[in-house]
Amino acid sequence: GTSGACQGPVNISRATAEASIYVALK
């Protein structure tokens, strides 16, 4: 349900996404 990758620079890599999930859970 998350939007698809976009033209501009607010995309993130899977590595970054998993890192942010880690931070939220901590």
mmCIF file of all heavy atoms, coordinates in Angstrom:
data_MODEL
# 
_entry.id   MODEL 
# 
loop_
_atom_site.group_PDB 
_atom_site.id 
_atom_site.type_symbol 
_atom_site.label_atom_id 
_atom_site.label_alt_id 
_atom_site.label_comp_id 
_atom_site.label_asym_id 
_atom_site.label_entity_id 
_atom_site.label_seq_id 
_atom_site.pdbx_PDB_ins_code 
_atom_site.Cartn_x 
_atom_site.Cartn_y 
_atom_site.Cartn_z 
_atom_site.occupancy 
_atom_site.B_iso_or_equiv 
_atom_site.pdbx_formal_charge 
_atom_site.auth_seq_id 
_atom_site.auth_comp_id 
_atom_site.auth_asym_id 
_atom_site.auth_atom_id 
_atom_site.pdbx_PDB_model_num 
ATOM 1   N N   . GLY A 1 1  ? 0.807  -1.213 0.000   1.00 0.00 ? 1  GLY A N   1 
ATOM 2   C CA  . GLY A 1 1  ? 0.000  0.000  0.000   1.00 0.00 ? 1  GLY A CA  1 
ATOM 3   C C   . GLY A 1 1  ? 0.836  1.257  0.000   1.00 0.00 ? 1  GLY A C   1 
ATOM 4   O O   . GLY A 1 1  ? 0.319  2.364  -0.184  1.00 0.00 ? 1  GLY A O   1 
ATOM 5   N N   . THR A 1 2  ? 2.146  1.101  0.199   1.00 0.00 ? 2  THR A N   1 
ATOM 6   C CA  . THR A 1 2  ? 3.070  2.232  0.102   1.00 0.00 ? 2  THR A CA  1 
ATOM 7   C C   . THR A 1 2  ? 3.255  2.604  -1.367  1.00 0.00 ? 2  THR A C   1 
ATOM 8   O O   . THR A 1 2  ? 3.282  1.734  -2.241  1.00 0.00 ? 2  THR A O   1 
ATOM 9   C CB  . THR A 1 2  ? 4.417  1.866  0.737   1.00 0.00 ? 2  THR A CB  1 
ATOM 10  O OG1 . THR A 1 2  ? 4.222  1.650  2.143   1.00 0.00 ? 2  THR A OG1 1 
ATOM 11  C CG2 . THR A 1 2  ? 5.453  2.954  0.536   1.00 0.00 ? 2  THR A CG2 1 
ATOM 12  N N   . SER A 1 3  ? 3.387  3.886  -1.650  1.00 0.00 ? 3  SER A N   1 
ATOM 13  C CA  . SER A 1 3  ? 3.559  4.351  -3.028  1.00 0.00 ? 3  SER A CA  1 
ATOM 14  C C   . SER A 1 3  ? 4.778  3.715  -3.681  1.00 0.00 ? 3  SER A C   1 
ATOM 15  O O   . SER A 1 3  ? 5.739  3.299  -3.011  1.00 0.00 ? 3  SER A O   1 
ATOM 16  C CB  . SER A 1 3  ? 3.710  5.873  -3.062  1.00 0.00 ? 3  SER A CB  1 
ATOM 17  O OG  . SER A 1 3  ? 2.536  6.511  -2.621  1.00 0.00 ? 3  SER A OG  1 
ATOM 18  N N   . GLY A 1 4  ? 4.742  3.670  -5.008  1.00 0.00 ? 4  GLY A N   1 
ATOM 19  C CA  . GLY A 1 4  ? 5.875  3.150  -5.762  1.00 0.00 ? 4  GLY A CA  1 
ATOM 20  C C   . GLY A 1 4  ? 7.049  4.111  -5.735  1.00 0.00 ? 4  GLY A C   1 
ATOM 21  O O   . GLY A 1 4  ? 6.927  5.282  -5.335  1.00 0.00 ? 4  GLY A O   1 
ATOM 22  N N   . ALA A 1 5  ? 8.207  3.624  -6.152  1.00 0.00 ? 5  ALA A N   1 
ATOM 23  C CA  . ALA A 1 5  ? 9.396  4.471  -6.242  1.00 0.00 ? 5  ALA A CA  1 
ATOM 24  C C   . ALA A 1 5  ? 9.084  5.688  -7.107  1.00 0.00 ? 5  ALA A C   1 
ATOM 25  O O   . ALA A 1 5  ? 8.354  5.605  -8.095  1.00 0.00 ? 5  ALA A O   1 
ATOM 26  C CB  . ALA A 1 5  ? 10.561 3.680  -6.829  1.00 0.00 ? 5  ALA A CB  1 
ATOM 27  N N   . CYS A 1 6  ? 9.633  6.833  -6.721  1.00 0.00 ? 6  CYS A N   1 
ATOM 28  C CA  . CYS A 1 6  ? 9.272  8.090  -7.370  1.00 0.00 ? 6  CYS A CA  1 
ATOM 29  C C   . CYS A 1 6  ? 10.447 8.674  -8.143  1.00 0.00 ? 6  CYS A C   1 
ATOM 30  O O   . CYS A 1 6  ? 11.583 8.189  -8.059  1.00 0.00 ? 6  CYS A O   1 
ATOM 31  C CB  . CYS A 1 6  ? 8.775  9.078  -6.322  1.00 0.00 ? 6  CYS A CB  1 
ATOM 32  S SG  . CYS A 1 6  ? 9.974  9.431  -5.023  1.00 0.00 ? 6  CYS A SG  1 
ATOM 33  N N   . GLN A 1 7  ? 10.178 9.757  -8.867  1.00 0.00 ? 7  GLN A N   1 
ATOM 34  C CA  . GLN A 1 7  ? 11.224 10.433 -9.639  1.00 0.00 ? 7  GLN A CA  1 
ATOM 35  C C   . GLN A 1 7  ? 12.232 11.118 -8.743  1.00 0.00 ? 7  GLN A C   1 
ATOM 36  O O   . GLN A 1 7  ? 13.427 11.117 -9.008  1.00 0.00 ? 7  GLN A O   1 
ATOM 37  C CB  . GLN A 1 7  ? 10.595 11.501 -10.542 1.00 0.00 ? 7  GLN A CB  1 
ATOM 38  C CG  . GLN A 1 7  ? 9.965  11.024 -11.814 1.00 0.00 ? 7  GLN A CG  1 
ATOM 39  C CD  . GLN A 1 7  ? 9.497  12.228 -12.630 1.00 0.00 ? 7  GLN A CD  1 
ATOM 40  O OE1 . GLN A 1 7  ? 8.471  12.818 -12.342 1.00 0.00 ? 7  GLN A OE1 1 
ATOM 41  N NE2 . GLN A 1 7  ? 10.283 12.594 -13.615 1.00 0.00 ? 7  GLN A NE2 1 
ATOM 42  N N   . GLY A 1 8  ? 11.739 11.759 -7.688  1.00 0.00 ? 8  GLY A N   1 
ATOM 43  C CA  . GLY A 1 8  ? 12.582 12.589 -6.839  1.00 0.00 ? 8  GLY A CA  1 
ATOM 44  C C   . GLY A 1 8  ? 13.291 11.824 -5.745  1.00 0.00 ? 8  GLY A C   1 
ATOM 45  O O   . GLY A 1 8  ? 13.170 10.594 -5.618  1.00 0.00 ? 8  GLY A O   1 
ATOM 46  N N   . PRO A 1 9  ? 14.042 12.554 -4.894  1.00 0.00 ? 9  PRO A N   1 
ATOM 47  C CA  . PRO A 1 9  ? 15.000 11.917 -3.982  1.00 0.00 ? 9  PRO A CA  1 
ATOM 48  C C   . PRO A 1 9  ? 14.473 11.530 -2.609  1.00 0.00 ? 9  PRO A C   1 
ATOM 49  O O   . PRO A 1 9  ? 15.224 11.556 -1.623  1.00 0.00 ? 9  PRO A O   1 
ATOM 50  C CB  . PRO A 1 9  ? 16.072 12.994 -3.857  1.00 0.00 ? 9  PRO A CB  1 
ATOM 51  C CG  . PRO A 1 9  ? 15.326 14.268 -3.989  1.00 0.00 ? 9  PRO A CG  1 
ATOM 52  C CD  . PRO A 1 9  ? 14.214 14.009 -4.944  1.00 0.00 ? 9  PRO A CD  1 
ATOM 53  N N   . VAL A 1 10 ? 13.175 11.161 -2.513  1.00 0.00 ? 10 VAL A N   1 
ATOM 54  C CA  . VAL A 1 10 ? 12.674 10.666 -1.229  1.00 0.00 ? 10 VAL A CA  1 
ATOM 55  C C   . VAL A 1 10 ? 12.545 9.149  -1.226  1.00 0.00 ? 10 VAL A C   1 
ATOM 56  O O   . VAL A 1 10 ? 11.952 8.570  -0.315  1.00 0.00 ? 10 VAL A O   1 
ATOM 57  C CB  . VAL A 1 10 ? 11.336 11.326 -0.830  1.00 0.00 ? 10 VAL A CB  1 
ATOM 58  C CG1 . VAL A 1 10 ? 11.534 12.802 -0.577  1.00 0.00 ? 10 VAL A CG1 1 
ATOM 59  C CG2 . VAL A 1 10 ? 10.271 11.094 -1.883  1.00 0.00 ? 10 VAL A CG2 1 
ATOM 60  N N   . ASN A 1 11 ? 13.101 8.479  -2.223  1.00 0.00 ? 11 ASN A N   1 
ATOM 61  C CA  . ASN A 1 11 ? 13.193 7.024  -2.207  1.00 0.00 ? 11 ASN A CA  1 
ATOM 62  C C   . ASN A 1 11 ? 14.201 6.592  -1.147  1.00 0.00 ? 11 ASN A C   1 
ATOM 63  O O   . ASN A 1 11 ? 15.112 7.345  -0.785  1.00 0.00 ? 11 ASN A O   1 
ATOM 64  C CB  . ASN A 1 11 ? 13.683 6.502  -3.562  1.00 0.00 ? 11 ASN A CB  1 
ATOM 65  C CG  . ASN A 1 11 ? 12.788 6.920  -4.707  1.00 0.00 ? 11 ASN A CG  1 
ATOM 66  O OD1 . ASN A 1 11 ? 11.688 6.421  -4.870  1.00 0.00 ? 11 ASN A OD1 1 
ATOM 67  N ND2 . ASN A 1 11 ? 13.282 7.848  -5.531  1.00 0.00 ? 11 ASN A ND2 1 
ATOM 68  N N   . ILE A 1 12 ? 14.061 5.367  -0.664  1.00 0.00 ? 12 ILE A N   1 
ATOM 69  C CA  . ILE A 1 12 ? 15.092 4.781  0.190   1.00 0.00 ? 12 ILE A CA  1 
ATOM 70  C C   . ILE A 1 12 ? 15.330 3.342  -0.239  1.00 0.00 ? 12 ILE A C   1 
ATOM 71  O O   . ILE A 1 12 ? 14.460 2.700  -0.816  1.00 0.00 ? 12 ILE A O   1 
ATOM 72  C CB  . ILE A 1 12 ? 14.729 4.840  1.689   1.00 0.00 ? 12 ILE A CB  1 
ATOM 73  C CG1 . ILE A 1 12 ? 13.450 4.045  1.991   1.00 0.00 ? 12 ILE A CG1 1 
ATOM 74  C CG2 . ILE A 1 12 ? 14.615 6.263  2.163   1.00 0.00 ? 12 ILE A CG2 1 
ATOM 75  C CD1 . ILE A 1 12 ? 13.118 3.969  3.488   1.00 0.00 ? 12 ILE A CD1 1 
ATOM 76  N N   . SER A 1 13 ? 16.513 2.844  0.025   1.00 0.00 ? 13 SER A N   1 
ATOM 77  C CA  . SER A 1 13 ? 16.836 1.451  -0.286  1.00 0.00 ? 13 SER A CA  1 
ATOM 78  C C   . SER A 1 13 ? 16.252 0.531  0.776   1.00 0.00 ? 13 SER A C   1 
ATOM 79  O O   . SER A 1 13 ? 15.888 0.963  1.877   1.00 0.00 ? 13 SER A O   1 
ATOM 80  C CB  . SER A 1 13 ? 18.354 1.261  -0.359  1.00 0.00 ? 13 SER A CB  1 
ATOM 81  O OG  . SER A 1 13 ? 18.929 1.421  0.930   1.00 0.00 ? 13 SER A OG  1 
ATOM 82  N N   . ARG A 1 14 ? 16.175 -0.746 0.458   1.00 0.00 ? 14 ARG A N   1 
ATOM 83  C CA  . ARG A 1 14 ? 15.665 -1.727 1.419   1.00 0.00 ? 14 ARG A CA  1 
ATOM 84  C C   . ARG A 1 14 ? 16.520 -1.735 2.692   1.00 0.00 ? 14 ARG A C   1 
ATOM 85  O O   . ARG A 1 14 ? 15.989 -1.872 3.806   1.00 0.00 ? 14 ARG A O   1 
ATOM 86  C CB  . ARG A 1 14 ? 15.643 -3.119 0.777   1.00 0.00 ? 14 ARG A CB  1 
ATOM 87  C CG  . ARG A 1 14 ? 15.087 -4.216 1.678   1.00 0.00 ? 14 ARG A CG  1 
ATOM 88  C CD  . ARG A 1 14 ? 14.992 -5.527 0.925   1.00 0.00 ? 14 ARG A CD  1 
ATOM 89  N NE  . ARG A 1 14 ? 13.984 -5.443 -0.124  1.00 0.00 ? 14 ARG A NE  1 
ATOM 90  C CZ  . ARG A 1 14 ? 12.724 -5.840 0.011   1.00 0.00 ? 14 ARG A CZ  1 
ATOM 91  N NH1 . ARG A 1 14 ? 12.310 -6.343 1.155   1.00 0.00 ? 14 ARG A NH1 1 
ATOM 92  N NH2 . ARG A 1 14 ? 11.877 -5.738 -0.984  1.00 0.00 ? 14 ARG A NH2 1 
ATOM 93  N N   . ALA A 1 15 ? 17.821 -1.578 2.535   1.00 0.00 ? 15 ALA A N   1 
ATOM 94  C CA  . ALA A 1 15 ? 18.698 -1.548 3.710   1.00 0.00 ? 15 ALA A CA  1 
ATOM 95  C C   . ALA A 1 15 ? 18.305 -0.411 4.642   1.00 0.00 ? 15 ALA A C   1 
ATOM 96  O O   . ALA A 1 15 ? 18.236 -0.573 5.868   1.00 0.00 ? 15 ALA A O   1 
ATOM 97  C CB  . ALA A 1 15 ? 20.151 -1.393 3.269   1.00 0.00 ? 15 ALA A CB  1 
ATOM 98  N N   . THR A 1 16 ? 18.024 0.745  4.073   1.00 0.00 ? 16 THR A N   1 
ATOM 99  C CA  . THR A 1 16 ? 17.635 1.898  4.876   1.00 0.00 ? 16 THR A CA  1 
ATOM 100 C C   . THR A 1 16 ? 16.272 1.680  5.515   1.00 0.00 ? 16 THR A C   1 
ATOM 101 O O   . THR A 1 16 ? 16.046 2.044  6.682   1.00 0.00 ? 16 THR A O   1 
ATOM 102 C CB  . THR A 1 16 ? 17.615 3.161  4.004   1.00 0.00 ? 16 THR A CB  1 
ATOM 103 O OG1 . THR A 1 16 ? 18.874 3.307  3.356   1.00 0.00 ? 16 THR A OG1 1 
ATOM 104 C CG2 . THR A 1 16 ? 17.341 4.391  4.842   1.00 0.00 ? 16 THR A CG2 1 
ATOM 105 N N   . ALA A 1 17 ? 15.346 1.082  4.762   1.00 0.00 ? 17 ALA A N   1 
ATOM 106 C CA  . ALA A 1 17 ? 14.005 0.816  5.304   1.00 0.00 ? 17 ALA A CA  1 
ATOM 107 C C   . ALA A 1 17 ? 14.084 -0.099 6.521   1.00 0.00 ? 17 ALA A C   1 
ATOM 108 O O   . ALA A 1 17 ? 13.443 0.157  7.557   1.00 0.00 ? 17 ALA A O   1 
ATOM 109 C CB  . ALA A 1 17 ? 13.118 0.208  4.222   1.00 0.00 ? 17 ALA A CB  1 
ATOM 110 N N   . GLU A 1 18 ? 14.857 -1.172 6.409   1.00 0.00 ? 18 GLU A N   1 
ATOM 111 C CA  . GLU A 1 18 ? 14.973 -2.097 7.540   1.00 0.00 ? 18 GLU A CA  1 
ATOM 112 C C   . GLU A 1 18 ? 15.642 -1.422 8.737   1.00 0.00 ? 18 GLU A C   1 
ATOM 113 O O   . GLU A 1 18 ? 15.291 -1.685 9.890   1.00 0.00 ? 18 GLU A O   1 
ATOM 114 C CB  . GLU A 1 18 ? 15.730 -3.349 7.105   1.00 0.00 ? 18 GLU A CB  1 
ATOM 115 C CG  . GLU A 1 18 ? 14.955 -4.198 6.102   1.00 0.00 ? 18 GLU A CG  1 
ATOM 116 C CD  . GLU A 1 18 ? 15.522 -5.594 5.936   1.00 0.00 ? 18 GLU A CD  1 
ATOM 117 O OE1 . GLU A 1 18 ? 16.346 -6.009 6.776   1.00 0.00 ? 18 GLU A OE1 1 
ATOM 118 O OE2 . GLU A 1 18 ? 15.128 -6.274 4.969   1.00 0.00 ? 18 GLU A OE2 1 
ATOM 119 N N   . ALA A 1 19 ? 16.605 -0.532 8.458   1.00 0.00 ? 19 ALA A N   1 
ATOM 120 C CA  . ALA A 1 19 ? 17.262 0.185  9.549   1.00 0.00 ? 19 ALA A CA  1 
ATOM 121 C C   . ALA A 1 19 ? 16.270 1.088  10.273  1.00 0.00 ? 19 ALA A C   1 
ATOM 122 O O   . ALA A 1 19 ? 16.302 1.200  11.506  1.00 0.00 ? 19 ALA A O   1 
ATOM 123 C CB  . ALA A 1 19 ? 18.423 1.007  8.999   1.00 0.00 ? 19 ALA A CB  1 
ATOM 124 N N   . SER A 1 20 ? 15.365 1.734  9.525   1.00 0.00 ? 20 SER A N   1 
ATOM 125 C CA  . SER A 1 20 ? 14.388 2.622  10.161  1.00 0.00 ? 20 SER A CA  1 
ATOM 126 C C   . SER A 1 20 ? 13.366 1.825  10.973  1.00 0.00 ? 20 SER A C   1 
ATOM 127 O O   . SER A 1 20 ? 12.895 2.288  12.028  1.00 0.00 ? 20 SER A O   1 
ATOM 128 C CB  . SER A 1 20 ? 13.684 3.487  9.117   1.00 0.00 ? 20 SER A CB  1 
ATOM 129 O OG  . SER A 1 20 ? 12.965 2.711  8.184   1.00 0.00 ? 20 SER A OG  1 
ATOM 130 N N   . ILE A 1 21 ? 13.024 0.634  10.509  1.00 0.00 ? 21 ILE A N   1 
ATOM 131 C CA  . ILE A 1 21 ? 12.125 -0.242 11.271  1.00 0.00 ? 21 ILE A CA  1 
ATOM 132 C C   . ILE A 1 21 ? 12.777 -0.633 12.601  1.00 0.00 ? 21 ILE A C   1 
ATOM 133 O O   . ILE A 1 21 ? 12.135 -0.631 13.659  1.00 0.00 ? 21 ILE A O   1 
ATOM 134 C CB  . ILE A 1 21 ? 11.767 -1.482 10.439  1.00 0.00 ? 21 ILE A CB  1 
ATOM 135 C CG1 . ILE A 1 21 ? 10.903 -1.072 9.239   1.00 0.00 ? 21 ILE A CG1 1 
ATOM 136 C CG2 . ILE A 1 21 ? 11.055 -2.531 11.288  1.00 0.00 ? 21 ILE A CG2 1 
ATOM 137 C CD1 . ILE A 1 21 ? 10.780 -2.138 8.168   1.00 0.00 ? 21 ILE A CD1 1 
ATOM 138 N N   . TYR A 1 22 ? 14.049 -0.944 12.537  1.00 0.00 ? 22 TYR A N   1 
ATOM 139 C CA  . TYR A 1 22 ? 14.804 -1.266 13.750  1.00 0.00 ? 22 TYR A CA  1 
ATOM 140 C C   . TYR A 1 22 ? 14.723 -0.111 14.755  1.00 0.00 ? 22 TYR A C   1 
ATOM 141 O O   . TYR A 1 22 ? 14.453 -0.312 15.953  1.00 0.00 ? 22 TYR A O   1 
ATOM 142 C CB  . TYR A 1 22 ? 16.264 -1.559 13.396  1.00 0.00 ? 22 TYR A CB  1 
ATOM 143 C CG  . TYR A 1 22 ? 17.189 -1.588 14.590  1.00 0.00 ? 22 TYR A CG  1 
ATOM 144 C CD1 . TYR A 1 22 ? 17.391 -2.759 15.307  1.00 0.00 ? 22 TYR A CD1 1 
ATOM 145 C CD2 . TYR A 1 22 ? 17.841 -0.431 15.009  1.00 0.00 ? 22 TYR A CD2 1 
ATOM 146 C CE1 . TYR A 1 22 ? 18.226 -2.782 16.422  1.00 0.00 ? 22 TYR A CE1 1 
ATOM 147 C CE2 . TYR A 1 22 ? 18.670 -0.441 16.116  1.00 0.00 ? 22 TYR A CE2 1 
ATOM 148 C CZ  . TYR A 1 22 ? 18.863 -1.611 16.820  1.00 0.00 ? 22 TYR A CZ  1 
ATOM 149 O OH  . TYR A 1 22 ? 19.676 -1.617 17.924  1.00 0.00 ? 22 TYR A OH  1 
ATOM 150 N N   . VAL A 1 23 ? 14.949 1.119  14.265  1.00 0.00 ? 23 VAL A N   1 
ATOM 151 C CA  . VAL A 1 23 ? 14.925 2.284  15.155  1.00 0.00 ? 23 VAL A CA  1 
ATOM 152 C C   . VAL A 1 23 ? 13.548 2.448  15.789  1.00 0.00 ? 23 VAL A C   1 
ATOM 153 O O   . VAL A 1 23 ? 13.423 2.692  16.998  1.00 0.00 ? 23 VAL A O   1 
ATOM 154 C CB  . VAL A 1 23 ? 15.320 3.561  14.385  1.00 0.00 ? 23 VAL A CB  1 
ATOM 155 C CG1 . VAL A 1 23 ? 15.108 4.797  15.257  1.00 0.00 ? 23 VAL A CG1 1 
ATOM 156 C CG2 . VAL A 1 23 ? 16.766 3.482  13.941  1.00 0.00 ? 23 VAL A CG2 1 
ATOM 157 N N   . ALA A 1 24 ? 12.489 2.307  14.983  1.00 0.00 ? 24 ALA A N   1 
ATOM 158 C CA  . ALA A 1 24 ? 11.136 2.456  15.519  1.00 0.00 ? 24 ALA A CA  1 
ATOM 159 C C   . ALA A 1 24 ? 10.858 1.433  16.617  1.00 0.00 ? 24 ALA A C   1 
ATOM 160 O O   . ALA A 1 24 ? 10.311 1.769  17.680  1.00 0.00 ? 24 ALA A O   1 
ATOM 161 C CB  . ALA A 1 24 ? 10.118 2.313  14.393  1.00 0.00 ? 24 ALA A CB  1 
ATOM 162 N N   . LEU A 1 25 ? 11.241 0.185  16.380  1.00 0.00 ? 25 LEU A N   1 
ATOM 163 C CA  . LEU A 1 25 ? 10.985 -0.859 17.373  1.00 0.00 ? 25 LEU A CA  1 
ATOM 164 C C   . LEU A 1 25 ? 11.810 -0.647 18.637  1.00 0.00 ? 25 LEU A C   1 
ATOM 165 O O   . LEU A 1 25 ? 11.356 -0.949 19.749  1.00 0.00 ? 25 LEU A O   1 
ATOM 166 C CB  . LEU A 1 25 ? 11.265 -2.237 16.764  1.00 0.00 ? 25 LEU A CB  1 
ATOM 167 C CG  . LEU A 1 25 ? 10.309 -2.652 15.637  1.00 0.00 ? 25 LEU A CG  1 
ATOM 168 C CD1 . LEU A 1 25 ? 10.723 -4.000 15.059  1.00 0.00 ? 25 LEU A CD1 1 
ATOM 169 C CD2 . LEU A 1 25 ? 8.863  -2.708 16.130  1.00 0.00 ? 25 LEU A CD2 1 
ATOM 170 N N   . LYS A 1 26 ? 13.011 -0.112 18.490  1.00 0.00 ? 26 LYS A N   1 
ATOM 171 C CA  . LYS A 1 26 ? 13.821 0.173  19.678  1.00 0.00 ? 26 LYS A CA  1 
ATOM 172 C C   . LYS A 1 26 ? 13.210 1.285  20.517  1.00 0.00 ? 26 LYS A C   1 
ATOM 173 O O   . LYS A 1 26 ? 13.362 1.327  21.744  1.00 0.00 ? 26 LYS A O   1 
ATOM 174 C CB  . LYS A 1 26 ? 15.246 0.543  19.267  1.00 0.00 ? 26 LYS A CB  1 
ATOM 175 C CG  . LYS A 1 26 ? 16.161 -0.655 19.068  1.00 0.00 ? 26 LYS A CG  1 
ATOM 176 C CD  . LYS A 1 26 ? 16.491 -1.347 20.391  1.00 0.00 ? 26 LYS A CD  1 
ATOM 177 C CE  . LYS A 1 26 ? 17.420 -0.499 21.221  1.00 0.00 ? 26 LYS A CE  1 
ATOM 178 N NZ  . LYS A 1 26 ? 17.369 -0.813 22.659  1.00 0.00 ? 26 LYS A NZ  1 
# 
